[in-house]
Amino acid sequence: MDYFGYRNNILYAEDVNILNIIKKIKTPFYLYSKKTILHHYGQIRDAFKDIQTLICFSIKSNSNPAIMKTLRKAGSGFDIGEDM
């Protein structure tokens, strides 16, 4: 599940009209949904709930501090790679 969808032919991220964001921020830009990130993290966490494990997010894939903070609060670890 993700929290992006159209309402009356207007794209929304969660409950935010994307057109309102475009008016304030120059394009191109990256837009993430906190609810989507947490939903997918929860699915992975729940899939491994019967074994002791640490789910880690690869910082190489996306080093956005807000995403890392969100995942850290949800219990995620981080893979920083060998070359760091």
N, C-alpha and C. Protein backbone atom coordinates (compact mmCIF):
# COMPACT_ATOMS: atom_id res chain seq x y z
N MET A 1 0.84 -1.17 0.00
CA MET A 1 0.00 0.00 0.00
C MET A 1 0.89 1.24 0.00
N ASP A 2 0.45 2.21 -0.71
CA ASP A 2 1.12 3.51 -0.59
C ASP A 2 0.05 4.58 -0.41
N TYR A 3 0.50 5.74 -0.04
CA TYR A 3 -0.41 6.82 0.28
C TYR A 3 -0.36 7.93 -0.77
N PHE A 4 -0.18 7.52 -2.02
CA PHE A 4 -0.26 8.42 -3.15
C PHE A 4 -1.49 8.02 -3.96
N GLY A 5 -2.25 8.99 -4.39
CA GLY A 5 -3.42 8.66 -5.18
C GLY A 5 -4.06 9.91 -5.75
N TYR A 6 -4.91 9.67 -6.72
CA TYR A 6 -5.61 10.77 -7.39
C TYR A 6 -6.99 10.98 -6.78
N ARG A 7 -7.34 12.24 -6.64
CA ARG A 7 -8.69 12.65 -6.24
C ARG A 7 -9.11 13.75 -7.21
N ASN A 8 -10.16 13.50 -7.94
CA ASN A 8 -10.63 14.46 -8.96
C ASN A 8 -9.50 14.86 -9.91
N ASN A 9 -8.73 13.86 -10.36
CA ASN A 9 -7.62 14.04 -11.31
C ASN A 9 -6.47 14.88 -10.75
N ILE A 10 -6.36 15.00 -9.44
CA ILE A 10 -5.25 15.72 -8.81
C ILE A 10 -4.51 14.73 -7.92
N LEU A 11 -3.19 14.69 -8.08
CA LEU A 11 -2.38 13.76 -7.30
C LEU A 11 -2.21 14.26 -5.88
N TYR A 12 -2.41 13.36 -4.93
CA TYR A 12 -2.21 13.65 -3.51
C TYR A 12 -1.16 12.71 -2.94
N ALA A 13 -0.38 13.22 -2.01
CA ALA A 13 0.51 12.42 -1.20
C ALA A 13 -0.06 12.50 0.21
N GLU A 14 -0.51 11.36 0.70
CA GLU A 14 -1.28 11.34 1.94
C GLU A 14 -2.47 12.27 1.74
N ASP A 15 -2.61 13.31 2.52
CA ASP A 15 -3.74 14.23 2.32
C ASP A 15 -3.31 15.57 1.76
N VAL A 16 -2.15 15.60 1.13
CA VAL A 16 -1.60 16.85 0.62
C VAL A 16 -1.72 16.89 -0.91
N ASN A 17 -2.30 17.95 -1.42
CA ASN A 17 -2.44 18.18 -2.85
C ASN A 17 -1.04 18.52 -3.41
N ILE A 18 -0.57 17.72 -4.34
CA ILE A 18 0.77 17.92 -4.90
C ILE A 18 0.89 19.27 -5.60
N LEU A 19 -0.19 19.75 -6.18
CA LEU A 19 -0.14 21.06 -6.85
C LEU A 19 0.22 22.17 -5.87
N ASN A 20 -0.22 22.05 -4.62
CA ASN A 20 0.13 23.05 -3.61
C ASN A 20 1.63 23.02 -3.29
N ILE A 21 2.22 21.84 -3.33
CA ILE A 21 3.66 21.72 -3.09
C ILE A 21 4.44 22.33 -4.26
N ILE A 22 3.99 22.03 -5.47
CA ILE A 22 4.67 22.54 -6.66
C ILE A 22 4.68 24.06 -6.68
N LYS A 23 3.64 24.68 -6.17
CA LYS A 23 3.58 26.15 -6.12
C LYS A 23 4.63 26.73 -5.18
N LYS A 24 5.02 25.97 -4.16
CA LYS A 24 5.96 26.47 -3.16
C LYS A 24 7.40 26.04 -3.40
N ILE A 25 7.58 24.90 -4.07
CA ILE A 25 8.92 24.34 -4.25
C ILE A 25 9.20 24.21 -5.75
N LYS A 26 10.38 24.63 -6.15
CA LYS A 26 10.74 24.49 -7.56
C LYS A 26 10.90 23.01 -7.91
N THR A 27 10.53 22.67 -9.12
CA THR A 27 10.70 21.31 -9.59
C THR A 27 12.02 21.21 -10.35
N PRO A 28 12.63 20.07 -10.43
CA PRO A 28 12.18 18.80 -9.86
C PRO A 28 12.51 18.70 -8.37
N PHE A 29 11.80 17.82 -7.70
CA PHE A 29 12.07 17.55 -6.28
C PHE A 29 11.63 16.12 -5.99
N TYR A 30 12.11 15.59 -4.88
CA TYR A 30 11.70 14.26 -4.43
C TYR A 30 10.62 14.45 -3.37
N LEU A 31 9.60 13.62 -3.44
CA LEU A 31 8.52 13.68 -2.48
C LEU A 31 8.30 12.28 -1.91
N TYR A 32 8.36 12.18 -0.60
CA TYR A 32 8.20 10.90 0.07
C TYR A 32 6.96 10.95 0.96
N SER A 33 6.40 9.80 1.21
CA SER A 33 5.27 9.68 2.13
C SER A 33 5.74 8.94 3.37
N LYS A 34 5.69 9.61 4.50
CA LYS A 34 6.07 8.99 5.77
C LYS A 34 5.20 7.76 6.05
N LYS A 35 3.91 7.88 5.78
CA LYS A 35 3.01 6.76 6.02
C LYS A 35 3.37 5.55 5.14
N THR A 36 3.75 5.80 3.90
CA THR A 36 4.14 4.71 3.00
C THR A 36 5.41 4.05 3.49
N ILE A 37 6.40 4.85 3.86
CA ILE A 37 7.66 4.30 4.37
C ILE A 37 7.40 3.43 5.60
N LEU A 38 6.63 3.94 6.54
CA LEU A 38 6.35 3.19 7.77
C LEU A 38 5.51 1.95 7.49
N HIS A 39 4.60 2.03 6.55
CA HIS A 39 3.78 0.87 6.20
C HIS A 39 4.66 -0.26 5.66
N HIS A 40 5.54 0.07 4.74
CA HIS A 40 6.39 -0.97 4.14
C HIS A 40 7.42 -1.50 5.15
N TYR A 41 7.96 -0.63 5.99
CA TYR A 41 8.86 -1.09 7.03
C TYR A 41 8.12 -2.05 7.96
N GLY A 42 6.90 -1.71 8.31
CA GLY A 42 6.10 -2.58 9.17
C GLY A 42 5.83 -3.94 8.55
N GLN A 43 5.61 -3.98 7.26
CA GLN A 43 5.39 -5.26 6.58
C GLN A 43 6.63 -6.14 6.67
N ILE A 44 7.80 -5.53 6.46
CA ILE A 44 9.04 -6.30 6.56
C ILE A 44 9.26 -6.77 8.00
N ARG A 45 9.09 -5.86 8.95
CA ARG A 45 9.24 -6.20 10.37
C ARG A 45 8.31 -7.35 10.75
N ASP A 46 7.05 -7.27 10.33
CA ASP A 46 6.07 -8.29 10.69
C ASP A 46 6.38 -9.64 10.04
N ALA A 47 6.96 -9.60 8.84
CA ALA A 47 7.31 -10.85 8.15
C ALA A 47 8.38 -11.63 8.91
N PHE A 48 9.20 -10.93 9.68
CA PHE A 48 10.29 -11.58 10.42
C PHE A 48 10.06 -11.56 11.93
N LYS A 49 8.82 -11.37 12.36
CA LYS A 49 8.55 -11.21 13.78
C LYS A 49 8.86 -12.45 14.61
N ASP A 50 8.89 -13.62 13.99
CA ASP A 50 9.12 -14.86 14.73
C ASP A 50 10.59 -15.19 14.93
N ILE A 51 11.47 -14.38 14.37
CA ILE A 51 12.90 -14.61 14.58
C ILE A 51 13.56 -13.33 15.06
N GLN A 52 14.64 -13.50 15.80
CA GLN A 52 15.37 -12.33 16.29
C GLN A 52 16.18 -11.77 15.14
N THR A 53 15.90 -10.54 14.77
CA THR A 53 16.58 -9.93 13.63
C THR A 53 16.63 -8.42 13.79
N LEU A 54 17.51 -7.81 13.06
CA LEU A 54 17.57 -6.35 12.99
C LEU A 54 17.42 -5.98 11.52
N ILE A 55 16.37 -5.28 11.20
CA ILE A 55 16.13 -4.82 9.83
C ILE A 55 16.91 -3.54 9.64
N CYS A 56 17.72 -3.51 8.59
CA CYS A 56 18.58 -2.34 8.35
C CYS A 56 18.25 -1.70 7.01
N PHE A 57 18.25 -0.38 7.01
CA PHE A 57 18.04 0.41 5.81
C PHE A 57 19.41 0.78 5.25
N SER A 58 19.57 0.64 3.95
CA SER A 58 20.83 0.98 3.30
C SER A 58 20.92 2.48 3.07
N ILE A 59 21.85 3.10 3.75
CA ILE A 59 22.04 4.54 3.60
C ILE A 59 22.50 4.87 2.18
N LYS A 60 23.18 3.94 1.52
CA LYS A 60 23.61 4.18 0.14
C LYS A 60 22.40 4.38 -0.78
N SER A 61 21.27 3.77 -0.44
CA SER A 61 20.10 3.88 -1.31
C SER A 61 19.43 5.24 -1.19
N ASN A 62 19.54 5.86 -0.01
CA ASN A 62 18.92 7.16 0.19
C ASN A 62 19.41 7.71 1.53
N SER A 63 20.14 8.79 1.50
CA SER A 63 20.71 9.34 2.73
C SER A 63 19.93 10.54 3.26
N ASN A 64 18.67 10.64 2.90
CA ASN A 64 17.82 11.73 3.37
C ASN A 64 17.68 11.63 4.89
N PRO A 65 18.10 12.65 5.63
CA PRO A 65 18.04 12.59 7.10
C PRO A 65 16.63 12.38 7.66
N ALA A 66 15.63 12.95 7.04
CA ALA A 66 14.26 12.77 7.54
C ALA A 66 13.80 11.32 7.41
N ILE A 67 14.18 10.67 6.33
CA ILE A 67 13.82 9.26 6.15
C ILE A 67 14.55 8.42 7.18
N MET A 68 15.83 8.69 7.38
CA MET A 68 16.59 7.92 8.37
C MET A 68 16.03 8.12 9.77
N LYS A 69 15.64 9.32 10.12
CA LYS A 69 15.07 9.60 11.43
C LYS A 69 13.75 8.85 11.61
N THR A 70 12.92 8.86 10.59
CA THR A 70 11.64 8.15 10.64
C THR A 70 11.86 6.66 10.86
N LEU A 71 12.78 6.08 10.10
CA LEU A 71 13.05 4.65 10.23
C LEU A 71 13.70 4.32 11.58
N ARG A 72 14.59 5.18 12.04
CA ARG A 72 15.23 4.95 13.35
C ARG A 72 14.17 4.90 14.45
N LYS A 73 13.23 5.84 14.41
CA LYS A 73 12.16 5.86 15.41
C LYS A 73 11.29 4.60 15.35
N ALA A 74 11.20 4.00 14.16
CA ALA A 74 10.40 2.78 13.98
C ALA A 74 11.17 1.52 14.39
N GLY A 75 12.47 1.69 14.69
CA GLY A 75 13.26 0.54 15.14
C GLY A 75 14.28 0.03 14.15
N SER A 76 14.42 0.68 13.03
CA SER A 76 15.34 0.23 11.99
C SER A 76 16.79 0.47 12.38
N GLY A 77 17.64 -0.44 11.91
CA GLY A 77 19.07 -0.21 11.95
C GLY A 77 19.48 0.36 10.61
N PHE A 78 20.79 0.54 10.41
CA PHE A 78 21.27 1.12 9.16
C PHE A 78 22.49 0.39 8.67
N ASP A 79 22.53 0.18 7.37
CA ASP A 79 23.69 -0.40 6.71
C ASP A 79 24.45 0.75 6.08
N ILE A 80 25.65 1.00 6.60
CA ILE A 80 26.42 2.13 6.08
C ILE A 80 27.43 1.71 5.05
N GLY A 81 27.54 0.41 4.79
CA GLY A 81 28.46 -0.08 3.75
C GLY A 81 29.88 -0.18 4.27
N GLU A 82 30.68 -0.91 3.55
CA GLU A 82 32.07 -1.16 3.95
C GLU A 82 33.00 0.01 3.62
N ASP A 83 32.65 0.80 2.65
CA ASP A 83 33.56 1.84 2.20
C ASP A 83 33.38 3.16 2.93
N MET A 84 32.64 3.17 4.00
CA MET A 84 32.41 4.42 4.73
C MET A 84 33.23 4.44 6.01
